[in-house]
PDB file of N, CA and C in Angstrom:
ATOM      1  N   MET A   1      25.938  -2.420  11.298  1.00  0.00           N
ATOM      2  CA  MET A   1      26.520  -2.175  10.001  1.00  0.00           C
ATOM      3  C   MET A   1      26.948  -0.718   9.938  1.00  0.00           C
ATOM      4  N   TYR A   2      28.223  -0.497   9.807  1.00  0.00           N
ATOM      5  CA  TYR A   2      28.764   0.848   9.725  1.00  0.00           C
ATOM      6  C   TYR A   2      29.099   1.170   8.285  1.00  0.00           C
ATOM      7  N   LEU A   3      28.786   2.373   7.873  1.00  0.00           N
ATOM      8  CA  LEU A   3      29.050   2.817   6.515  1.00  0.00           C
ATOM      9  C   LEU A   3      30.266   3.731   6.512  1.00  0.00           C
ATOM     10  N   ASP A   4      31.144   3.514   5.578  1.00  0.00           N
ATOM     11  CA  ASP A   4      32.237   4.455   5.408  1.00  0.00           C
ATOM     12  C   ASP A   4      31.980   5.274   4.150  1.00  0.00           C
ATOM     13  N   ALA A   5      32.954   6.039   3.730  1.00  0.00           N
ATOM     14  CA  ALA A   5      32.761   6.955   2.602  1.00  0.00           C
ATOM     15  C   ALA A   5      32.625   6.233   1.273  1.00  0.00           C
ATOM     16  N   THR A   6      33.068   4.976   1.184  1.00  0.00           N
ATOM     17  CA  THR A   6      33.041   4.277  -0.100  1.00  0.00           C
ATOM     18  C   THR A   6      31.794   3.433  -0.299  1.00  0.00           C
ATOM     19  N   THR A   7      31.131   3.040   0.759  1.00  0.00           N
ATOM     20  CA  THR A   7      29.943   2.203   0.608  1.00  0.00           C
ATOM     21  C   THR A   7      28.698   3.074   0.606  1.00  0.00           C
ATOM     22  N   ARG A   8      27.735   2.656  -0.192  1.00  0.00           N
ATOM     23  CA  ARG A   8      26.460   3.374  -0.269  1.00  0.00           C
ATOM     24  C   ARG A   8      25.419   2.609   0.523  1.00  0.00           C
ATOM     25  N   PRO A   9      24.535   3.312   1.199  1.00  0.00           N
ATOM     26  CA  PRO A   9      23.495   2.613   1.960  1.00  0.00           C
ATOM     27  C   PRO A   9      22.504   1.927   1.019  1.00  0.00           C
ATOM     28  N   ASN A  10      21.938   0.837   1.498  1.00  0.00           N
ATOM     29  CA  ASN A  10      20.941   0.107   0.731  1.00  0.00           C
ATOM     30  C   ASN A  10      19.609   0.852   0.856  1.00  0.00           C
ATOM     31  N   VAL A  11      19.251   1.553  -0.209  1.00  0.00           N
ATOM     32  CA  VAL A  11      18.065   2.406  -0.185  1.00  0.00           C
ATOM     33  C   VAL A  11      16.798   1.565  -0.069  1.00  0.00           C
ATOM     34  N   ARG A  12      16.741   0.458  -0.765  1.00  0.00           N
ATOM     35  CA  ARG A  12      15.541  -0.387  -0.744  1.00  0.00           C
ATOM     36  C   ARG A  12      15.271  -0.910   0.663  1.00  0.00           C
ATOM     37  N   ALA A  13      16.317  -1.294   1.372  1.00  0.00           N
ATOM     38  CA  ALA A  13      16.135  -1.807   2.730  1.00  0.00           C
ATOM     39  C   ALA A  13      15.681  -0.719   3.690  1.00  0.00           C
ATOM     40  N   ARG A  14      15.937   0.525   3.369  1.00  0.00           N
ATOM     41  CA  ARG A  14      15.502   1.619   4.231  1.00  0.00           C
ATOM     42  C   ARG A  14      14.128   2.157   3.858  1.00  0.00           C
ATOM     43  N   VAL A  15      13.716   2.007   2.621  1.00  0.00           N
ATOM     44  CA  VAL A  15      12.441   2.566   2.162  1.00  0.00           C
ATOM     45  C   VAL A  15      11.297   1.567   2.337  1.00  0.00           C
ATOM     46  N   LEU A  16      11.541   0.290   2.116  1.00  0.00           N
ATOM     47  CA  LEU A  16      10.462  -0.704   2.161  1.00  0.00           C
ATOM     48  C   LEU A  16       9.766  -0.816   3.522  1.00  0.00           C
ATOM     49  N   PRO A  17      10.470  -0.826   4.648  1.00  0.00           N
ATOM     50  CA  PRO A  17       9.723  -0.901   5.921  1.00  0.00           C
ATOM     51  C   PRO A  17       8.794   0.288   6.152  1.00  0.00           C
ATOM     52  N   ALA A  18       9.242   1.475   5.802  1.00  0.00           N
ATOM     53  CA  ALA A  18       8.406   2.666   6.014  1.00  0.00           C
ATOM     54  C   ALA A  18       7.167   2.632   5.131  1.00  0.00           C
ATOM     55  N   THR A  19       7.345   2.294   3.871  1.00  0.00           N
ATOM     56  CA  THR A  19       6.179   2.224   2.985  1.00  0.00           C
ATOM     57  C   THR A  19       5.286   1.042   3.348  1.00  0.00           C
ATOM     58  N   GLY A  20       5.872  -0.033   3.822  1.00  0.00           N
ATOM     59  CA  GLY A  20       5.064  -1.183   4.251  1.00  0.00           C
ATOM     60  C   GLY A  20       4.189  -0.862   5.445  1.00  0.00           C
ATOM     61  N   ILE A  21       4.753  -0.148   6.415  1.00  0.00           N
ATOM     62  CA  ILE A  21       3.974   0.251   7.590  1.00  0.00           C
ATOM     63  C   ILE A  21       2.838   1.186   7.177  1.00  0.00           C
ATOM     64  N   SER A  22       3.139   2.142   6.310  1.00  0.00           N
ATOM     65  CA  SER A  22       2.116   3.091   5.865  1.00  0.00           C
ATOM     66  C   SER A  22       1.017   2.402   5.070  1.00  0.00           C
ATOM     67  N   LEU A  23       1.405   1.556   4.124  1.00  0.00           N
ATOM     68  CA  LEU A  23       0.397   0.857   3.309  1.00  0.00           C
ATOM     69  C   LEU A  23      -0.452  -0.080   4.145  1.00  0.00           C
ATOM     70  N   ALA A  24       0.162  -0.815   5.058  1.00  0.00           N
ATOM     71  CA  ALA A  24      -0.610  -1.728   5.912  1.00  0.00           C
ATOM     72  C   ALA A  24      -1.592  -0.944   6.785  1.00  0.00           C
ATOM     73  N   THR A  25      -1.163   0.187   7.306  1.00  0.00           N
ATOM     74  CA  THR A  25      -2.067   1.007   8.127  1.00  0.00           C
ATOM     75  C   THR A  25      -3.214   1.550   7.306  1.00  0.00           C
ATOM     76  N   TRP A  26      -2.914   2.036   6.093  1.00  0.00           N
ATOM     77  CA  TRP A  26      -3.989   2.548   5.225  1.00  0.00           C
ATOM     78  C   TRP A  26      -4.976   1.452   4.861  1.00  0.00           C
ATOM     79  N   ILE A  27      -4.501   0.245   4.605  1.00  0.00           N
ATOM     80  CA  ILE A  27      -5.400  -0.868   4.250  1.00  0.00           C
ATOM     81  C   ILE A  27      -6.283  -1.230   5.432  1.00  0.00           C
ATOM     82  N   VAL A  28      -5.709  -1.291   6.631  1.00  0.00           N
ATOM     83  CA  VAL A  28      -6.523  -1.617   7.809  1.00  0.00           C
ATOM     84  C   VAL A  28      -7.542  -0.514   8.089  1.00  0.00           C
ATOM     85  N   MET A  29      -7.139   0.755   7.917  1.00  0.00           N
ATOM     86  CA  MET A  29      -8.095   1.855   8.102  1.00  0.00           C
ATOM     87  C   MET A  29      -9.213   1.790   7.071  1.00  0.00           C
ATOM     88  N   TRP A  30      -8.881   1.411   5.857  1.00  0.00           N
ATOM     89  CA  TRP A  30      -9.896   1.291   4.812  1.00  0.00           C
ATOM     90  C   TRP A  30     -10.842   0.133   5.119  1.00  0.00           C
ATOM     91  N   CYS A  31     -10.296  -0.987   5.584  1.00  0.00           N
ATOM     92  CA  CYS A  31     -11.148  -2.125   5.940  1.00  0.00           C
ATOM     93  C   CYS A  31     -12.010  -1.832   7.167  1.00  0.00           C
ATOM     94  N   ALA A  32     -11.526  -0.981   8.057  1.00  0.00           N
ATOM     95  CA  ALA A  32     -12.295  -0.656   9.266  1.00  0.00           C
ATOM     96  C   ALA A  32     -13.534   0.163   8.951  1.00  0.00           C
ATOM     97  N   GLN A  33     -13.612   0.742   7.771  1.00  0.00           N
ATOM     98  CA  GLN A  33     -14.798   1.525   7.411  1.00  0.00           C
ATOM     99  C   GLN A  33     -16.048   0.658   7.318  1.00  0.00           C
ATOM    100  N   SER A  34     -15.880  -0.633   7.087  1.00  0.00           N
ATOM    101  CA  SER A  34     -17.043  -1.507   6.930  1.00  0.00           C
ATOM    102  C   SER A  34     -17.515  -2.108   8.253  1.00  0.00           C
ATOM    103  N   ILE A  35     -16.795  -1.887   9.354  1.00  0.00           N
ATOM    104  CA  ILE A  35     -17.238  -2.397  10.653  1.00  0.00           C
ATOM    105  C   ILE A  35     -18.450  -1.587  11.089  1.00  0.00           C
ATOM    106  N   PRO A  36     -19.524  -2.239  11.483  1.00  0.00           N
ATOM    107  CA  PRO A  36     -20.711  -1.476  11.883  1.00  0.00           C
ATOM    108  C   PRO A  36     -20.451  -0.676  13.160  1.00  0.00           C
ATOM    109  N   THR A  37     -21.108   0.480  13.253  1.00  0.00           N
ATOM    110  CA  THR A  37     -20.945   1.326  14.431  1.00  0.00           C
ATOM    111  C   THR A  37     -21.850   0.832  15.548  1.00  0.00           C
ATOM    112  N   LEU A  38     -21.426   1.077  16.770  1.00  0.00           N
ATOM    113  CA  LEU A  38     -22.191   0.676  17.943  1.00  0.00           C
ATOM    114  C   LEU A  38     -23.221   1.755  18.241  1.00  0.00           C
ATOM    115  N   CYS A  39     -24.463   1.365  18.333  1.00  0.00           N
ATOM    116  CA  CYS A  39     -25.537   2.315  18.577  1.00  0.00           C
ATOM    117  C   CYS A  39     -26.007   2.148  20.024  1.00  0.00           C
ATOM    118  N   ALA A  40     -25.551   3.042  20.898  1.00  0.00           N
ATOM    119  CA  ALA A  40     -25.931   2.982  22.308  1.00  0.00           C
ATOM    120  C   ALA A  40     -27.378   3.449  22.470  1.00  0.00           C
ATOM    121  N   LEU A  41     -28.050   2.911  23.456  1.00  0.00           N
ATOM    122  CA  LEU A  41     -29.455   3.270  23.676  1.00  0.00           C
ATOM    123  C   LEU A  41     -29.612   4.681  24.224  1.00  0.00           C
ATOM    124  N   ALA A  42     -28.642   5.157  25.007  1.00  0.00           N
ATOM    125  CA  ALA A  42     -28.773   6.476  25.626  1.00  0.00           C
ATOM    126  C   ALA A  42     -28.392   7.604  24.673  1.00  0.00           C
ATOM    127  N   ASN A  43     -27.605   7.321  23.659  1.00  0.00           N
ATOM    128  CA  ASN A  43     -27.137   8.345  22.733  1.00  0.00           C
ATOM    129  C   ASN A  43     -27.718   8.098  21.345  1.00  0.00           C
ATOM    130  N   PRO A  44     -27.829   9.122  20.553  1.00  0.00           N
ATOM    131  CA  PRO A  44     -28.244   8.867  19.167  1.00  0.00           C
ATOM    132  C   PRO A  44     -27.126   8.141  18.405  1.00  0.00           C
ATOM    133  N   CYS A  45     -27.524   7.418  17.400  1.00  0.00           N
ATOM    134  CA  CYS A  45     -26.548   6.657  16.614  1.00  0.00           C
ATOM    135  C   CYS A  45     -25.636   7.610  15.841  1.00  0.00           C
ATOM    136  N   PRO A  46     -24.329   7.310  15.804  1.00  0.00           N
ATOM    137  CA  PRO A  46     -23.429   8.151  15.002  1.00  0.00           C
ATOM    138  C   PRO A  46     -23.687   7.919  13.519  1.00  0.00           C
ATOM    139  N   PRO A  47     -23.328   8.876  12.689  1.00  0.00           N
ATOM    140  CA  PRO A  47     -23.547   8.684  11.251  1.00  0.00           C
ATOM    141  C   PRO A  47     -22.666   7.553  10.699  1.00  0.00           C
ATOM    142  N   GLU A  48     -23.024   7.082   9.525  1.00  0.00           N
ATOM    143  CA  GLU A  48     -22.314   5.942   8.917  1.00  0.00           C
ATOM    144  C   GLU A  48     -20.855   6.258   8.612  1.00  0.00           C
ATOM    145  N   ASP A  49     -20.553   7.516   8.287  1.00  0.00           N
ATOM    146  CA  ASP A  49     -19.197   7.873   7.880  1.00  0.00           C
ATOM    147  C   ASP A  49     -18.387   8.481   9.026  1.00  0.00           C
ATOM    148  N   VAL A  50     -18.647   8.051  10.256  1.00  0.00           N
ATOM    149  CA  VAL A  50     -17.977   8.621  11.417  1.00  0.00           C
ATOM    150  C   VAL A  50     -16.482   8.266  11.441  1.00  0.00           C
ATOM    151  N   ARG A  51     -16.085   7.211  10.774  1.00  0.00           N
ATOM    152  CA  ARG A  51     -14.682   6.789  10.787  1.00  0.00           C
ATOM    153  C   ARG A  51     -13.860   7.404   9.653  1.00  0.00           C
ATOM    154  N   VAL A  52     -14.476   8.131   8.759  1.00  0.00           N
ATOM    155  CA  VAL A  52     -13.760   8.671   7.597  1.00  0.00           C
ATOM    156  C   VAL A  52     -12.802   9.791   8.006  1.00  0.00           C
ATOM    157  N   ALA A  53     -13.244  10.704   8.849  1.00  0.00           N
ATOM    158  CA  ALA A  53     -12.407  11.845   9.228  1.00  0.00           C
ATOM    159  C   ALA A  53     -11.120  11.420   9.947  1.00  0.00           C
ATOM    160  N   PRO A  54     -11.173  10.513  10.956  1.00  0.00           N
ATOM    161  CA  PRO A  54      -9.909  10.096  11.567  1.00  0.00           C
ATOM    162  C   PRO A  54      -9.007   9.337  10.593  1.00  0.00           C
ATOM    163  N   ALA A  55      -9.606   8.563   9.687  1.00  0.00           N
ATOM    164  CA  ALA A  55      -8.793   7.824   8.711  1.00  0.00           C
ATOM    165  C   ALA A  55      -8.087   8.786   7.765  1.00  0.00           C
ATOM    166  N   LEU A  56      -8.787   9.825   7.321  1.00  0.00           N
ATOM    167  CA  LEU A  56      -8.150  10.797   6.434  1.00  0.00           C
ATOM    168  C   LEU A  56      -7.092  11.615   7.167  1.00  0.00           C
ATOM    169  N   LEU A  57      -7.380  11.995   8.403  1.00  0.00           N
ATOM    170  CA  LEU A  57      -6.430  12.794   9.177  1.00  0.00           C
ATOM    171  C   LEU A  57      -5.138  12.015   9.440  1.00  0.00           C
ATOM    172  N   PHE A  58      -5.270  10.828  10.031  1.00  0.00           N
ATOM    173  CA  PHE A  58      -4.080  10.056  10.365  1.00  0.00           C
ATOM    174  C   PHE A  58      -3.415   9.484   9.118  1.00  0.00           C
ATOM    175  N   GLY A  59      -4.207   9.155   8.091  1.00  0.00           N
ATOM    176  CA  GLY A  59      -3.615   8.692   6.833  1.00  0.00           C
ATOM    177  C   GLY A  59      -2.769   9.757   6.183  1.00  0.00           C
ATOM    178  N   GLY A  60      -3.227  11.000   6.241  1.00  0.00           N
ATOM    179  CA  GLY A  60      -2.432  12.102   5.703  1.00  0.00           C
ATOM    180  C   GLY A  60      -1.208  12.400   6.556  1.00  0.00           C
ATOM    181  N   LEU A  61      -1.357  12.307   7.873  1.00  0.00           N
ATOM    182  CA  LEU A  61      -0.221  12.549   8.748  1.00  0.00           C
ATOM    183  C   LEU A  61       0.865  11.480   8.602  1.00  0.00           C
ATOM    184  N   LEU A  62       0.486  10.283   8.194  1.00  0.00           N
ATOM    185  CA  LEU A  62       1.477   9.225   7.974  1.00  0.00           C
ATOM    186  C   LEU A  62       2.437   9.564   6.840  1.00  0.00           C
ATOM    187  N   LEU A  63       2.016  10.459   5.953  1.00  0.00           N
ATOM    188  CA  LEU A  63       2.882  10.823   4.831  1.00  0.00           C
ATOM    189  C   LEU A  63       4.116  11.605   5.279  1.00  0.00           C
ATOM    190  N   VAL A  64       4.030  12.323   6.403  1.00  0.00           N
ATOM    191  CA  VAL A  64       5.154  13.151   6.857  1.00  0.00           C
ATOM    192  C   VAL A  64       6.354  12.297   7.273  1.00  0.00           C
ATOM    193  N   PRO A  65       6.205  11.353   8.233  1.00  0.00           N
ATOM    194  CA  PRO A  65       7.389  10.553   8.573  1.00  0.00           C
ATOM    195  C   PRO A  65       7.809   9.609   7.448  1.00  0.00           C
ATOM    196  N   THR A  66       6.848   9.144   6.639  1.00  0.00           N
ATOM    197  CA  THR A  66       7.222   8.295   5.507  1.00  0.00           C
ATOM    198  C   THR A  66       8.054   9.082   4.509  1.00  0.00           C
ATOM    199  N   GLY A  67       7.652  10.308   4.236  1.00  0.00           N
ATOM    200  CA  GLY A  67       8.440  11.157   3.343  1.00  0.00           C
ATOM    201  C   GLY A  67       9.819  11.452   3.903  1.00  0.00           C
ATOM    202  N   ALA A  68       9.901  11.686   5.218  1.00  0.00           N
ATOM    203  CA  ALA A  68      11.210  11.930   5.834  1.00  0.00           C
ATOM    204  C   ALA A  68      12.102  10.702   5.728  1.00  0.00           C
ATOM    205  N   LEU A  69      11.528   9.517   5.888  1.00  0.00           N
ATOM    206  CA  LEU A  69      12.323   8.295   5.769  1.00  0.00           C
ATOM    207  C   LEU A  69      12.767   8.052   4.339  1.00  0.00           C
ATOM    208  N   ILE A  70      11.928   8.382   3.384  1.00  0.00           N
ATOM    209  CA  ILE A  70      12.316   8.218   1.978  1.00  0.00           C
ATOM    210  C   ILE A  70      13.400   9.223   1.608  1.00  0.00           C
ATOM    211  N   LEU A  71      13.265  10.460   2.081  1.00  0.00           N
ATOM    212  CA  LEU A  71      14.259  11.486   1.754  1.00  0.00           C
ATOM    213  C   LEU A  71      15.614  11.229   2.410  1.00  0.00           C
ATOM    214  N   THR A  72      15.625  10.622   3.585  1.00  0.00           N
ATOM    215  CA  THR A  72      16.897  10.362   4.267  1.00  0.00           C
ATOM    216  C   THR A  72      17.437   8.964   4.002  1.00  0.00           C
ATOM    217  N   ALA A  73      16.856   8.245   3.057  1.00  0.00           N
ATOM    218  CA  ALA A  73      17.294   6.872   2.795  1.00  0.00           C
ATOM    219  C   ALA A  73      18.699   6.809   2.208  1.00  0.00           C
ATOM    220  N   ARG A  74      19.109   7.801   1.468  1.00  0.00           N
ATOM    221  CA  ARG A  74      20.430   7.790   0.842  1.00  0.00           C
ATOM    222  C   ARG A  74      21.526   8.394   1.705  1.00  0.00           C
ATOM    223  N   THR A  75      21.150   8.946   2.834  1.00  0.00           N
ATOM    224  CA  THR A  75      22.154   9.610   3.664  1.00  0.00           C
ATOM    225  C   THR A  75      22.896   8.601   4.521  1.00  0.00           C
ATOM    226  N   GLY A  76      23.986   9.035   5.086  1.00  0.00           N
ATOM    227  CA  GLY A  76      24.804   8.168   5.934  1.00  0.00           C
ATOM    228  C   GLY A  76      24.360   8.217   7.378  1.00  0.00           C
ATOM    229  N   ARG A  77      25.338   8.043   8.262  1.00  0.00           N
ATOM    230  CA  ARG A  77      25.035   7.964   9.693  1.00  0.00           C
ATOM    231  C   ARG A  77      24.690   9.311  10.297  1.00  0.00           C
ATOM    232  N   SER A  78      24.980  10.402   9.621  1.00  0.00           N
ATOM    233  CA  SER A  78      24.712  11.717  10.205  1.00  0.00           C
ATOM    234  C   SER A  78      23.213  11.997  10.355  1.00  0.00           C
ATOM    235  N   TRP A  79      22.384  11.347   9.562  1.00  0.00           N
ATOM    236  CA  TRP A  79      20.933  11.523   9.641  1.00  0.00           C
ATOM    237  C   TRP A  79      20.235  10.331  10.297  1.00  0.00           C
ATOM    238  N   ALA A  80      20.981   9.502  11.000  1.00  0.00           N
ATOM    239  CA  ALA A  80      20.381   8.332  11.654  1.00  0.00           C
ATOM    240  C   ALA A  80      19.384   8.757  12.731  1.00  0.00           C
ATOM    241  N   TRP A  81      19.637   9.862  13.417  1.00  0.00           N
ATOM    242  CA  TRP A  81      18.708  10.324  14.443  1.00  0.00           C
ATOM    243  C   TRP A  81      17.369  10.705  13.832  1.00  0.00           C
ATOM    244  N   MET A  82      17.397  11.260  12.610  1.00  0.00           N
ATOM    245  CA  MET A  82      16.156  11.644  11.934  1.00  0.00           C
ATOM    246  C   MET A  82      15.357  10.408  11.525  1.00  0.00           C
ATOM    247  N   ARG A  83      16.047   9.382  11.072  1.00  0.00           N
ATOM    248  CA  ARG A  83      15.358   8.143  10.704  1.00  0.00           C
ATOM    249  C   ARG A  83      14.741   7.481  11.935  1.00  0.00           C
ATOM    250  N   THR A  84      15.477   7.469  13.046  1.00  0.00           N
ATOM    251  CA  THR A  84      14.943   6.877  14.274  1.00  0.00           C
ATOM    252  C   THR A  84      13.715   7.637  14.756  1.00  0.00           C
ATOM    253  N   LEU A  85      13.803   8.949  14.770  1.00  0.00           N
ATOM    254  CA  LEU A  85      12.663   9.769  15.177  1.00  0.00           C
ATOM    255  C   LEU A  85      11.480   9.572  14.231  1.00  0.00           C
ATOM    256  N   SER A  86      11.748   9.470  12.938  1.00  0.00           N
ATOM    257  CA  SER A  86      10.671   9.275  11.965  1.00  0.00           C
ATOM    258  C   SER A  86       9.984   7.926  12.153  1.00  0.00           C
ATOM    259  N   TYR A  87      10.750   6.883  12.466  1.00  0.00           N
ATOM    260  CA  TYR A  87      10.126   5.583  12.729  1.00  0.00           C
ATOM    261  C   TYR A  87       9.277   5.616  13.999  1.00  0.00           C
ATOM    262  N   VAL A  88       9.733   6.293  15.025  1.00  0.00           N
ATOM    263  CA  VAL A  88       8.944   6.403  16.260  1.00  0.00           C
ATOM    264  C   VAL A  88       7.637   7.143  15.983  1.00  0.00           C
ATOM    265  N   VAL A  89       7.723   8.241  15.239  1.00  0.00           N
ATOM    266  CA  VAL A  89       6.524   9.013  14.907  1.00  0.00           C
ATOM    267  C   VAL A  89       5.605   8.201  13.988  1.00  0.00           C
ATOM    268  N   LEU A  90       6.178   7.477  13.026  1.00  0.00           N
ATOM    269  CA  LEU A  90       5.378   6.679  12.096  1.00  0.00           C
ATOM    270  C   LEU A  90       4.602   5.584  12.821  1.00  0.00           C
ATOM    271  N   VAL A  91       5.267   4.859  13.694  1.00  0.00           N
ATOM    272  CA  VAL A  91       4.582   3.786  14.434  1.00  0.00           C
ATOM    273  C   VAL A  91       3.561   4.374  15.407  1.00  0.00           C
ATOM    274  N   GLY A  92       3.901   5.488  16.046  1.00  0.00           N
ATOM    275  CA  GLY A  92       2.938   6.135  16.943  1.00  0.00           C
ATOM    276  C   GLY A  92       1.695   6.621  16.215  1.00  0.00           C
ATOM    277  N   LEU A  93       1.886   7.234  15.043  1.00  0.00           N
ATOM    278  CA  LEU A  93       0.727   7.673  14.253  1.00  0.00           C
ATOM    279  C   LEU A  93      -0.084   6.499  13.738  1.00  0.00           C
ATOM    280  N   ALA A  94       0.594   5.411  13.368  1.00  0.00           N
ATOM    281  CA  ALA A  94      -0.129   4.234  12.879  1.00  0.00           C
ATOM    282  C   ALA A  94      -0.999   3.640  13.980  1.00  0.00           C
ATOM    283  N   LEU A  95      -0.434   3.468  15.170  1.00  0.00           N
ATOM    284  CA  LEU A  95      -1.218   2.891  16.268  1.00  0.00           C
ATOM    285  C   LEU A  95      -2.298   3.855  16.752  1.00  0.00           C
ATOM    286  N   GLY A  96      -1.960   5.124  16.866  1.00  0.00           N
ATOM    287  CA  GLY A  96      -2.963   6.112  17.276  1.00  0.00           C
ATOM    288  C   GLY A  96      -4.074   6.253  16.255  1.00  0.00           C
ATOM    289  N   GLY A  97      -3.724   6.220  14.985  1.00  0.00           N
ATOM    290  CA  GLY A  97      -4.731   6.312  13.930  1.00  0.00           C
ATOM    291  C   GLY A  97      -5.659   5.115  13.905  1.00  0.00           C
ATOM    292  N   LEU A  98      -5.093   3.929  14.069  1.00  0.00           N
ATOM    293  CA  LEU A  98      -5.943   2.736  14.103  1.00  0.00           C
ATOM    294  C   LEU A  98      -6.870   2.768  15.309  1.00  0.00           C
ATOM    295  N   GLY A  99      -6.365   3.214  16.449  1.00  0.00           N
ATOM    296  CA  GLY A  99      -7.222   3.333  17.621  1.00  0.00           C
ATOM    297  C   GLY A  99      -8.317   4.365  17.427  1.00  0.00           C
ATOM    298  N   ALA A 100      -7.978   5.493  16.819  1.00  0.00           N
ATOM    299  CA  ALA A 100      -8.983   6.538  16.579  1.00  0.00           C
ATOM    300  C   ALA A 100     -10.042   6.070  15.596  1.00  0.00           C
ATOM    301  N   VAL A 101      -9.639   5.361  14.570  1.00  0.00           N
ATOM    302  CA  VAL A 101     -10.593   4.883  13.574  1.00  0.00           C
ATOM    303  C   VAL A 101     -11.494   3.809  14.161  1.00  0.00           C
ATOM    304  N   LEU A 102     -10.922   2.877  14.906  1.00  0.00           N
ATOM    305  CA  LEU A 102     -11.733   1.782  15.441  1.00  0.00           C
ATOM    306  C   LEU A 102     -12.686   2.233  16.544  1.00  0.00           C
ATOM    307  N   PHE A 103     -12.263   3.170  17.379  1.00  0.00           N
ATOM    308  CA  PHE A 103     -13.089   3.555  18.517  1.00  0.00           C
ATOM    309  C   PHE A 103     -13.897   4.824  18.282  1.00  0.00           C
ATOM    310  N   SER A 104     -13.850   5.411  17.092  1.00  0.00           N
ATOM    311  CA  SER A 104     -14.588   6.650  16.854  1.00  0.00           C
ATOM    312  C   SER A 104     -16.089   6.408  16.758  1.00  0.00           C
ATOM    313  N   GLY A 105     -16.502   5.297  16.247  1.00  0.00           N
ATOM    314  CA  GLY A 105     -17.925   5.026  16.126  1.00  0.00           C
ATOM    315  C   GLY A 105     -18.405   3.969  17.095  1.00  0.00           C
ATOM    316  N   GLY A 106     -17.594   3.636  18.080  1.00  0.00           N
ATOM    317  CA  GLY A 106     -17.913   2.545  18.976  1.00  0.00           C
ATOM    318  C   GLY A 106     -17.348   1.262  18.406  1.00  0.00           C
ATOM    319  N   PHE A 107     -16.533   0.596  19.152  1.00  0.00           N
ATOM    320  CA  PHE A 107     -15.876  -0.609  18.641  1.00  0.00           C
ATOM    321  C   PHE A 107     -16.795  -1.803  18.756  1.00  0.00           C
ATOM    322  N   THR A 108     -17.030  -2.446  17.644  1.00  0.00           N
ATOM    323  CA  THR A 108     -17.846  -3.659  17.652  1.00  0.00           C
ATOM    324  C   THR A 108     -17.164  -4.719  16.829  1.00  0.00           C
ATOM    325  N   VAL A 109     -17.417  -5.938  17.160  1.00  0.00           N
ATOM    326  CA  VAL A 109     -16.924  -7.068  16.382  1.00  0.00           C
ATOM    327  C   VAL A 109     -18.148  -7.801  15.866  1.00  0.00           C
ATOM    328  N   PRO A 110     -18.312  -7.880  14.531  1.00  0.00           N
ATOM    329  CA  PRO A 110     -19.497  -8.552  14.007  1.00  0.00           C
ATOM    330  C   PRO A 110     -19.446 -10.046  14.345  1.00  0.00           C
ATOM    331  N   LEU A 111     -20.534 -10.561  14.887  1.00  0.00           N
ATOM    332  CA  LEU A 111     -20.603 -11.969  15.268  1.00  0.00           C
ATOM    333  C   LEU A 111     -21.276 -12.831  14.222  1.00  0.00           C
ATOM    334  N   VAL A 112     -21.599 -12.262  13.101  1.00  0.00           N
ATOM    335  CA  VAL A 112     -22.295 -13.028  12.064  1.00  0.00           C
ATOM    336  C   VAL A 112     -21.310 -13.772  11.206  1.00  0.00           C
TER     337      VAL A 112
END
């Protein structure tokens, strides 16, 4: 889809995926707080809130590419490189943040 000078970009179609990715990541990080931590026999048990710091760090960092995508939603093709870079950074931070949150206290799957 090419935009010329007379057509305006669809802002909703450009903003919803970015906010959806951010909200879904924040919800999964919030739900991951209730997963019990793995207590290894050789090491002392990590504290209960060991997953809070990575969730806050990566959750806050997700605001940067999301904000860039929201700010460039009304622009034309000249800022397409910024949107592409912002999506790459957003998905990378989302996956890295989820990995950091899940594996910070030892990854366990409750069998109950």
